[in-house]
Every structure is written in structure tokens, then in C-alpha cells.
Amino acid sequence: MTEMTGVRSLGVRAPGEPEIFTEPGGPLTAGGFEVETLFSGLSAGTELATVKGTSPFLSRRFDRRLRLFEDGAPTGSYPVRCLGYMEVGRVRESRCAAVPVGATVAMAYGHRAAYRADPRSDHVVALPGDLDPLLGVYVAQMGPICANGLLHAVAELGRTDAARGDGLGGGVAGRRVLVTGAGVVGLLTALFALHHGAAEVAVADPTPARLAAAGELGCVPVDERTYDPARWCKERWRRPEPGADVVFQCRGLGRALHTALRALRPQGSVIDLAFYQDGAADVRLGEEFHHNGLTVRCAQIGRVPRGSSWSRADLSAATVELLRARGADVLRHLVTDVVPVEEAPAFLRDLAARRRHTIQAVFTF
């Protein structure tokens, strides 16, 4: 087995300064394997928070034992030597019988040219041969994030124990669904809802390119520059009560959460997948939230609903199923940029400065 040295990684030197670093390698552990990276997807909301310096981990201390953010020395600091969690690699060395040399796998190890993995701690998904490997950037983390949102919608109906039998459709099948935010999380969540039998899926966003993608995927685009999404939902969906049956909130702005609450029917639920870097000062809890008896449920990949037997591997399998059915549409309408990693620092600077727009960028190695 060779010693891996000089691995390129994409990180951030200081706020506003993304950079290619060279990381040390290390030995291949017993039972481990080594992958060379083919594709690495950009999670724009999370990663640009580090590029811009707005992530709470860079300004507050996070007590992992108590799960509390507190004043004090920040948990994170610059330089951040590696971003990302949406990788596809080809196995080039292996001491693991279950992961043979030549296999193509989806993992979450950051924008690195290569990685030495341990199957006992790393989430590894072997990609089927009939799936375009570029689509694998969604399989280990991003797709499961969205699938977990649907799982939480099942739990909101009191069917957590039955979620395995219902699949992911138990919270959306036959229901009227609004998705707020047409980034990657929003569009994938909308696709999951369509795939699992939602009666209608509307997607609200102010960006023309994202609304066009939503329409091409089979959703109803709601242009926030023209319509109030809450009024749109309550005038379109009137029976038995006006409003969306469930809203998936996928945009990291307090006003988007406020829109999601306003769009719900009485006693409905917002399934919240957003990351609020600036807090949520625009959320007016004394209005619809209080008077319509609403619920906000946070759905994050680290936690499936209490009582659910679903695992991260199950959520990845559900993602593969979706991509087998709609992969061509995802490639055509979500993946807007394929960028050599050497050009990634300039690409990130342009995104952070709003000089360019992307839905899904994928870096190649």
C-alpha cells in the first residue's frame, strides 16, 4: 500500500478568501480503503456561510455535550482547510472486502482530491452501475437531508412507527405541498414529494432561473416578485380548509419561514430544512403561528424522527430510487455548473459577491 501525500483540498484562508490547500495524507488503516475523487458537489448555503464568515460556529462556542451555543471562544476558526460533504470517488486501494478496487462510491468527506476511509465510521454508498456517477453527489448527504424532511412530515401525522411501511409518502401522498426556496434542497425536496404522490407541489422563489427549473421538474412555480405565496396557496387550495397541507421551508431567511407559516392551513406544519445564519427576526409568532395553531418542526440529517427505524443508509437508498426515476431531469435542470476544482476559489468568490448565480455546482478533480 502506498503512502498518500500532498492531497489537494478546497477551503477558506480567511473571510472572503477561498483557497486550494495541500493536506498531509497518512496510512491506510486495516479494513479501510482509498478513493480518488471524481466529483464533489457544492452545498452553497452552508459553504458560503464559511466563505463569508457568517456561520455561527465561527462566532460562537458550541457545547457539543449540552447542544448549546454560548458566548466564548468560537468553536471554529480560520483557516478552514476543507469544505463540503457531497463526494463521489473511485476506489483505488482497499483493505475492505465489501468495498473492492474499482467501485464507485458516494461519501461525505469534503472537497478533497483523495480520501482514506474507514467503513466503521464513514458513511459509504456503492453507486449502482445504471446511475450516472455525477448524480452520486446527492446520495450520501444532500439527498438524505431532503428525504429526512419527508420522513418528518410522516411523523407530523402521528405515523412515525409506521413510516417504514408508508415509505416517504405517508406525509405527502394526496396532499397539497408548498416548498419555499428553490435552491438544491428545495428542488430535491419538491421532487421527492412529487415522486411520493403529492397531489400538487408548488415552489415559491424570486429567482427566474430557479422558478424555471421548478416548472421543468413538474412543480407549479410561484414567483414571489409577483405573488404573495401565502395568498396564492389559500386562494388555490380552499378545501377542506384554505392553505397548504404541509410546507417544506428550504430558504435560510426569517421572512421565508414567515411566508411558510402564513401559507399553511390551520393546524398545519412547516417542515424546516433551512439554516438561518442571521437569525429569524422577521418571523412574527403572534400572527398566523399563534392564531392558526401551527407547528414548526426542524428536520436535520443528524436526527430522524423519534421512534423511527429509518437509518441514514435507508435515506440514501431512497435517494438512489429517486435519482433512478428522475436523474435525467436533475442533470438537465439542477446541475448548472461543472467546474474544475482549480477554478473553484474564483467561483466561490463570485458567488459570495453575487456576481454569478448557480443552482448546483459540481467540482471535478
Protein backbone atom coordinates (compact mmCIF):
# COMPACT_ATOMS: atom_id res chain seq x y z
CA MET A 1 0.00 0.00 0.00
CA THR A 2 1.32 3.45 -0.92
CA GLU A 3 1.61 6.43 1.40
CA MET A 4 -0.83 9.19 0.39
CA THR A 5 0.79 12.63 0.47
CA GLY A 6 0.01 16.10 -0.79
CA VAL A 7 -3.78 15.87 -1.12
CA ARG A 8 -5.43 18.97 -2.60
CA SER A 9 -8.43 20.35 -0.73
CA LEU A 10 -10.72 23.35 -1.16
CA GLY A 11 -11.06 25.54 1.91
CA VAL A 12 -11.05 29.13 3.14
CA ARG A 13 -7.95 31.00 4.32
CA ALA A 14 -9.92 33.89 5.87
CA PRO A 15 -13.33 35.51 5.28
CA GLY A 16 -13.66 36.13 1.55
CA GLU A 17 -10.52 34.12 0.71
CA PRO A 18 -11.30 30.61 -0.59
CA GLU A 19 -8.14 28.71 -1.45
CA ILE A 20 -6.72 25.38 -2.58
CA PHE A 21 -4.73 23.80 0.26
CA THR A 22 -2.38 20.83 0.34
CA GLU A 23 -3.15 18.42 3.17
CA PRO A 24 -0.97 15.62 4.52
CA GLY A 25 -2.08 12.09 3.74
CA GLY A 26 -1.47 9.21 6.10
CA PRO A 27 -1.52 5.43 6.28
CA LEU A 28 -4.35 3.21 5.07
CA THR A 29 -5.92 1.62 8.14
CA ALA A 30 -6.73 -2.07 8.41
CA GLY A 31 -10.17 -2.57 6.87
CA GLY A 32 -10.02 0.81 5.15
CA PHE A 33 -9.87 1.93 1.54
CA GLU A 34 -8.69 4.87 -0.54
CA VAL A 35 -10.75 6.79 -3.07
CA GLU A 36 -9.75 9.25 -5.76
CA THR A 37 -12.39 11.94 -6.11
CA LEU A 38 -14.36 12.21 -9.33
CA PHE A 39 -16.99 14.80 -8.38
CA SER A 40 -17.70 16.97 -5.35
CA GLY A 41 -20.93 18.94 -5.08
CA LEU A 42 -21.18 22.44 -3.64
CA SER A 43 -23.68 22.94 -0.82
CA ALA A 44 -23.90 26.66 -1.47
CA GLY A 45 -25.80 27.83 1.61
CA THR A 46 -23.61 26.02 4.12
CA GLU A 47 -20.29 26.61 2.39
CA LEU A 48 -20.82 30.27 1.53
CA ALA A 49 -21.51 30.85 5.25
CA THR A 50 -17.89 29.86 5.83
CA VAL A 51 -16.61 31.85 2.86
CA LYS A 52 -18.43 34.97 4.12
CA GLY A 53 -17.79 34.34 7.83
CA THR A 54 -21.47 34.15 8.81
CA SER A 55 -21.52 30.59 10.18
CA PRO A 56 -22.40 30.61 13.92
CA PHE A 57 -19.57 28.15 14.56
CA LEU A 58 -17.14 30.94 13.59
CA SER A 59 -18.55 33.48 16.05
CA ARG A 60 -19.97 31.40 18.94
CA ARG A 61 -18.87 28.48 21.07
CA PHE A 62 -20.90 25.30 20.62
CA ASP A 63 -21.01 22.98 23.64
CA ARG A 64 -21.49 19.60 21.95
CA ARG A 65 -22.32 17.82 25.20
CA LEU A 66 -25.16 20.19 26.11
CA ARG A 67 -26.01 21.13 22.48
CA LEU A 68 -25.81 24.84 23.33
CA PHE A 69 -24.38 27.85 21.52
CA GLU A 70 -22.77 30.22 24.05
CA ASP A 71 -20.55 33.28 24.24
CA GLY A 72 -16.86 32.48 24.33
CA ALA A 73 -14.05 31.46 22.02
CA PRO A 74 -15.65 30.28 18.76
CA THR A 75 -15.73 26.56 18.05
CA GLY A 76 -14.38 27.11 14.55
CA SER A 77 -11.58 29.30 13.26
CA TYR A 78 -9.74 30.14 10.07
CA PRO A 79 -8.17 28.71 8.08
CA VAL A 80 -10.88 26.16 7.30
CA ARG A 81 -8.86 23.71 5.23
CA CYS A 82 -11.70 21.72 3.69
CA LEU A 83 -15.35 22.44 2.87
CA GLY A 84 -18.08 20.21 1.51
CA TYR A 85 -19.97 16.96 2.06
CA MET A 86 -21.15 15.72 -1.39
CA GLU A 87 -18.45 13.50 -2.87
CA VAL A 88 -18.16 10.71 -5.43
CA GLY A 89 -14.93 8.72 -5.69
CA ARG A 90 -13.47 5.64 -7.30
CA VAL A 91 -11.76 3.12 -5.03
CA ARG A 92 -8.11 2.70 -5.97
CA GLU A 93 -6.78 0.78 -2.96
CA SER A 94 -8.70 -1.34 -0.49
CA ARG A 95 -8.27 -3.48 2.59
CA CYS A 96 -12.05 -3.90 2.83
CA ALA A 97 -13.68 -6.90 1.15
CA ALA A 98 -17.02 -5.08 0.96
CA VAL A 99 -15.51 -2.15 -1.00
CA PRO A 100 -13.46 -3.53 -3.90
CA VAL A 101 -10.95 -1.66 -6.02
CA GLY A 102 -12.70 -0.01 -8.96
CA ALA A 103 -16.01 0.55 -7.14
CA THR A 104 -17.64 3.97 -7.42
CA VAL A 105 -18.90 5.22 -4.07
CA ALA A 106 -20.78 8.21 -2.67
CA MET A 107 -19.44 9.66 0.58
CA ALA A 108 -19.21 12.90 2.57
CA TYR A 109 -15.56 13.78 3.13
CA GLY A 110 -15.22 17.28 1.68
CA HIS A 111 -13.66 18.78 -1.43
CA ARG A 112 -10.51 16.64 -1.41
CA ALA A 113 -8.71 15.07 -4.35
CA ALA A 114 -8.45 11.79 -2.45
CA TYR A 115 -9.52 10.31 0.87
CA ARG A 116 -8.65 7.33 3.03
CA ALA A 117 -11.82 5.96 4.55
CA ASP A 118 -12.81 3.68 7.40
CA PRO A 119 -16.17 1.93 6.77
CA ARG A 120 -16.69 1.68 10.53
CA SER A 121 -17.07 5.45 10.81
CA ASP A 122 -17.61 6.76 7.26
CA HIS A 123 -20.98 6.58 5.51
CA VAL A 124 -20.28 4.74 2.25
CA VAL A 125 -22.81 4.01 -0.51
CA ALA A 126 -21.83 1.90 -3.51
CA LEU A 127 -23.37 3.50 -6.59
CA PRO A 128 -25.26 1.21 -8.96
CA GLY A 129 -23.86 0.87 -12.46
CA ASP A 130 -27.02 2.27 -14.08
CA LEU A 131 -26.71 5.64 -12.30
CA ASP A 132 -24.68 8.48 -13.79
CA PRO A 133 -21.82 8.88 -11.27
CA LEU A 134 -22.20 12.67 -11.23
CA LEU A 135 -25.62 12.15 -9.63
CA GLY A 136 -23.83 10.40 -6.79
CA VAL A 137 -23.04 13.79 -5.24
CA TYR A 138 -26.59 13.68 -3.84
CA VAL A 139 -26.55 10.16 -2.41
CA ALA A 140 -24.54 10.31 0.83
CA GLN A 141 -25.78 13.58 2.36
CA MET A 142 -27.84 16.06 0.34
CA GLY A 143 -30.50 13.59 -0.84
CA PRO A 144 -30.87 12.11 2.67
CA ILE A 145 -31.32 15.64 4.06
CA CYS A 146 -34.33 16.10 1.77
CA ALA A 147 -35.67 12.57 2.29
CA ASN A 148 -35.49 13.15 6.04
CA GLY A 149 -37.73 16.17 5.55
CA LEU A 150 -40.41 13.90 4.09
CA LEU A 151 -39.89 11.46 6.95
CA HIS A 152 -40.61 14.26 9.41
CA ALA A 153 -43.80 15.07 7.50
CA VAL A 154 -44.87 11.47 8.14
CA ALA A 155 -44.14 11.92 11.85
CA GLU A 156 -46.24 15.09 11.97
CA LEU A 157 -49.26 12.94 11.13
CA GLY A 158 -48.50 10.67 14.07
CA ARG A 159 -47.24 7.79 11.93
CA THR A 160 -43.58 7.63 12.99
CA ASP A 161 -43.73 3.92 13.83
CA ALA A 162 -45.42 3.18 10.52
CA ALA A 163 -43.05 5.28 8.45
CA ARG A 164 -41.19 2.19 7.30
CA GLY A 165 -44.36 0.71 5.84
CA ASP A 166 -45.60 4.01 4.43
CA GLY A 167 -42.28 4.82 2.85
CA LEU A 168 -41.64 8.53 2.47
CA GLY A 169 -45.08 9.15 1.01
CA GLY A 170 -47.02 8.96 4.26
CA GLY A 171 -46.74 12.69 4.87
CA VAL A 172 -47.29 13.99 1.32
CA ALA A 173 -49.36 11.48 -0.70
CA GLY A 174 -52.56 13.12 -1.90
CA ARG A 175 -51.68 16.37 -0.10
CA ARG A 176 -51.08 19.94 -1.23
CA VAL A 177 -47.43 20.84 -0.74
CA LEU A 178 -45.62 24.16 -0.83
CA VAL A 179 -41.82 24.37 -0.92
CA THR A 180 -40.34 27.75 -0.01
CA GLY A 181 -36.96 28.23 -1.66
CA ALA A 182 -35.88 26.75 -4.99
CA GLY A 183 -32.26 26.01 -4.26
CA VAL A 184 -30.97 22.45 -4.39
CA VAL A 185 -32.61 21.46 -1.09
CA GLY A 186 -35.95 22.90 -2.15
CA LEU A 187 -35.96 21.42 -5.64
CA LEU A 188 -34.87 17.97 -4.49
CA THR A 189 -37.47 18.02 -1.70
CA ALA A 190 -40.12 19.02 -4.24
CA LEU A 191 -39.04 16.12 -6.49
CA PHE A 192 -39.28 13.72 -3.55
CA ALA A 193 -42.82 14.97 -2.81
CA LEU A 194 -43.89 14.54 -6.45
CA HIS A 195 -42.29 11.09 -6.62
CA HIS A 196 -44.16 10.00 -3.50
CA GLY A 197 -47.62 11.03 -4.64
CA ALA A 198 -48.27 14.62 -3.59
CA ALA A 199 -51.47 15.94 -5.17
CA GLU A 200 -49.71 19.16 -6.20
CA VAL A 201 -46.34 20.73 -5.38
CA ALA A 202 -45.80 24.47 -5.63
CA VAL A 203 -42.36 26.07 -5.28
CA ALA A 204 -42.01 29.71 -4.23
CA ASP A 205 -38.88 31.71 -5.03
CA PRO A 206 -37.98 35.11 -6.53
CA THR A 207 -35.22 33.88 -8.90
CA PRO A 208 -36.31 33.33 -12.52
CA ALA A 209 -33.78 30.56 -13.27
CA ARG A 210 -34.81 28.60 -10.20
CA LEU A 211 -38.52 29.04 -10.92
CA ALA A 212 -37.92 27.81 -14.47
CA ALA A 213 -36.18 24.71 -13.10
CA ALA A 214 -39.09 24.06 -10.73
CA GLY A 215 -41.54 24.23 -13.63
CA GLU A 216 -39.46 21.87 -15.76
CA LEU A 217 -39.41 19.37 -12.90
CA GLY A 218 -43.22 19.28 -12.80
CA CYS A 219 -43.89 21.71 -9.96
CA VAL A 220 -46.01 24.86 -10.05
CA PRO A 221 -43.63 27.86 -9.82
CA VAL A 222 -44.82 30.77 -7.67
CA ASP A 223 -42.91 33.95 -8.41
CA GLU A 224 -42.54 35.88 -5.15
CA ARG A 225 -41.90 39.08 -7.11
CA THR A 226 -45.44 38.89 -8.47
CA TYR A 227 -47.49 36.88 -5.95
CA ASP A 228 -47.73 36.59 -2.20
CA PRO A 229 -47.19 32.80 -1.89
CA ALA A 230 -49.46 32.62 1.16
CA ARG A 231 -52.37 34.25 -0.62
CA TRP A 232 -51.64 32.15 -3.73
CA CYS A 233 -51.90 28.94 -1.69
CA LYS A 234 -55.01 29.96 0.20
CA GLU A 235 -56.86 31.04 -2.91
CA ARG A 236 -55.84 27.97 -4.93
CA TRP A 237 -56.25 25.36 -2.18
CA ARG A 238 -59.51 26.14 -0.37
CA ARG A 239 -60.99 22.83 0.78
CA PRO A 240 -61.41 21.49 3.35
CA GLU A 241 -59.52 24.50 4.73
CA PRO A 242 -57.56 27.17 2.86
CA GLY A 243 -53.81 26.73 2.55
CA ALA A 244 -51.09 24.16 2.04
CA ASP A 245 -51.34 20.89 3.95
CA VAL A 246 -47.58 20.93 4.57
CA VAL A 247 -44.80 23.39 3.76
CA PHE A 248 -41.14 22.45 3.38
CA GLN A 249 -39.14 25.57 4.28
CA CYS A 250 -35.82 25.43 2.42
CA ARG A 251 -34.56 29.00 2.36
CA GLY A 252 -32.37 30.39 5.14
CA LEU A 253 -34.25 33.65 5.69
CA GLY A 254 -36.61 34.54 8.50
CA ARG A 255 -39.07 36.08 6.06
CA ALA A 256 -39.23 32.76 4.18
CA LEU A 257 -40.22 30.97 7.39
CA HIS A 258 -42.84 33.67 7.99
CA THR A 259 -44.18 33.08 4.46
CA ALA A 260 -44.28 29.33 5.12
CA LEU A 261 -46.36 29.83 8.26
CA ARG A 262 -48.76 32.19 6.51
CA ALA A 263 -49.29 29.71 3.65
CA LEU A 264 -50.37 26.80 5.88
CA ARG A 265 -53.91 25.66 6.52
CA PRO A 266 -54.96 25.83 10.20
CA GLN A 267 -53.08 23.32 12.38
CA GLY A 268 -50.65 22.56 9.56
CA SER A 269 -46.91 22.02 9.86
CA VAL A 270 -43.79 23.63 8.46
CA ILE A 271 -41.00 21.10 7.99
CA ASP A 272 -37.95 23.32 8.30
CA LEU A 273 -34.75 22.37 6.45
CA ALA A 274 -33.24 25.87 6.40
CA PHE A 275 -30.12 27.29 8.06
CA TYR A 276 -30.74 30.77 9.49
CA GLN A 277 -27.31 32.43 9.56
CA ASP A 278 -28.77 35.82 10.52
CA GLY A 279 -31.40 34.59 12.94
CA ALA A 280 -35.11 34.92 12.15
CA ALA A 281 -36.18 38.41 13.16
CA ASP A 282 -38.92 38.52 10.52
CA VAL A 283 -40.87 35.59 11.99
CA ARG A 284 -43.99 37.04 13.63
CA LEU A 285 -45.09 34.37 16.06
CA GLY A 286 -48.02 36.45 17.27
CA GLU A 287 -49.75 36.25 13.91
CA GLU A 288 -50.62 33.07 11.91
CA PHE A 289 -48.41 30.82 14.06
CA HIS A 290 -50.49 31.64 17.14
CA HIS A 291 -53.96 32.19 15.66
CA ASN A 292 -53.93 29.18 13.32
CA GLY A 293 -52.34 26.72 15.75
CA LEU A 294 -49.31 25.93 13.59
CA THR A 295 -46.23 23.76 14.09
CA VAL A 296 -42.61 24.22 13.05
CA ARG A 297 -40.58 21.01 13.01
CA CYS A 298 -36.84 21.17 12.36
CA ALA A 299 -35.64 18.29 10.16
CA GLN A 300 -31.89 17.85 10.04
CA ILE A 301 -29.87 14.90 8.76
CA GLY A 302 -28.40 14.13 12.18
CA ARG A 303 -31.80 13.14 13.55
CA VAL A 304 -34.64 11.09 12.11
CA PRO A 305 -37.96 11.46 13.97
CA ARG A 306 -38.10 9.91 17.41
CA GLY A 307 -39.29 6.33 17.21
CA SER A 308 -38.41 5.93 13.53
CA SER A 309 -36.38 2.90 12.50
CA TRP A 310 -35.02 4.64 9.39
CA SER A 311 -31.24 4.90 9.10
CA ARG A 312 -29.02 7.13 7.01
CA ALA A 313 -28.46 4.14 4.73
CA ASP A 314 -32.24 3.93 4.20
CA LEU A 315 -32.37 7.62 3.30
CA SER A 316 -29.52 7.12 0.82
CA ALA A 317 -31.36 4.17 -0.72
CA ALA A 318 -34.47 6.35 -1.11
CA THR A 319 -32.28 8.95 -2.84
CA VAL A 320 -30.94 6.38 -5.29
CA GLU A 321 -34.52 5.33 -6.06
CA LEU A 322 -35.48 8.95 -6.80
CA LEU A 323 -32.40 9.52 -8.97
CA ARG A 324 -33.08 6.37 -10.96
CA ALA A 325 -36.55 7.74 -11.73
CA ARG A 326 -35.71 11.43 -12.24
CA GLY A 327 -31.93 11.55 -12.72
CA ALA A 328 -32.08 12.86 -16.28
CA ASP A 329 -34.23 15.78 -15.10
CA VAL A 330 -31.86 16.51 -12.22
CA LEU A 331 -28.88 16.63 -14.56
CA ARG A 332 -30.72 18.82 -17.03
CA HIS A 333 -32.32 21.32 -14.65
CA LEU A 334 -30.41 21.32 -11.33
CA VAL A 335 -26.77 20.85 -12.28
CA THR A 336 -25.98 24.25 -13.75
CA ASP A 337 -22.17 24.37 -13.37
CA VAL A 338 -19.41 21.74 -13.63
CA VAL A 339 -16.17 23.44 -12.60
CA PRO A 340 -12.56 22.16 -12.35
CA VAL A 341 -11.53 22.41 -8.70
CA GLU A 342 -8.61 24.66 -9.66
CA GLU A 343 -11.20 27.29 -10.65
CA ALA A 344 -13.31 26.78 -7.51
CA PRO A 345 -11.81 29.61 -5.38
CA ALA A 346 -12.68 32.23 -8.01
CA PHE A 347 -16.09 30.60 -8.50
CA LEU A 348 -16.83 30.83 -4.75
CA ARG A 349 -15.71 34.45 -4.60
CA ASP A 350 -18.08 35.30 -7.44
CA LEU A 351 -20.98 33.50 -5.74
CA ALA A 352 -20.30 35.20 -2.40
CA ALA A 353 -20.21 38.61 -4.11
CA ARG A 354 -23.37 37.80 -6.11
CA ARG A 355 -21.53 38.26 -9.39
CA ARG A 356 -22.91 34.94 -10.63
CA HIS A 357 -25.73 32.52 -9.86
CA THR A 358 -25.81 28.75 -9.59
CA ILE A 359 -28.35 26.12 -8.65
CA GLN A 360 -25.97 23.16 -8.34
CA ALA A 361 -22.25 23.47 -8.93
CA VAL A 362 -20.11 20.33 -9.09
CA PHE A 363 -16.33 20.44 -8.84
CA THR A 364 -14.24 17.96 -10.82
CA PHE A 365 -10.83 16.60 -9.85
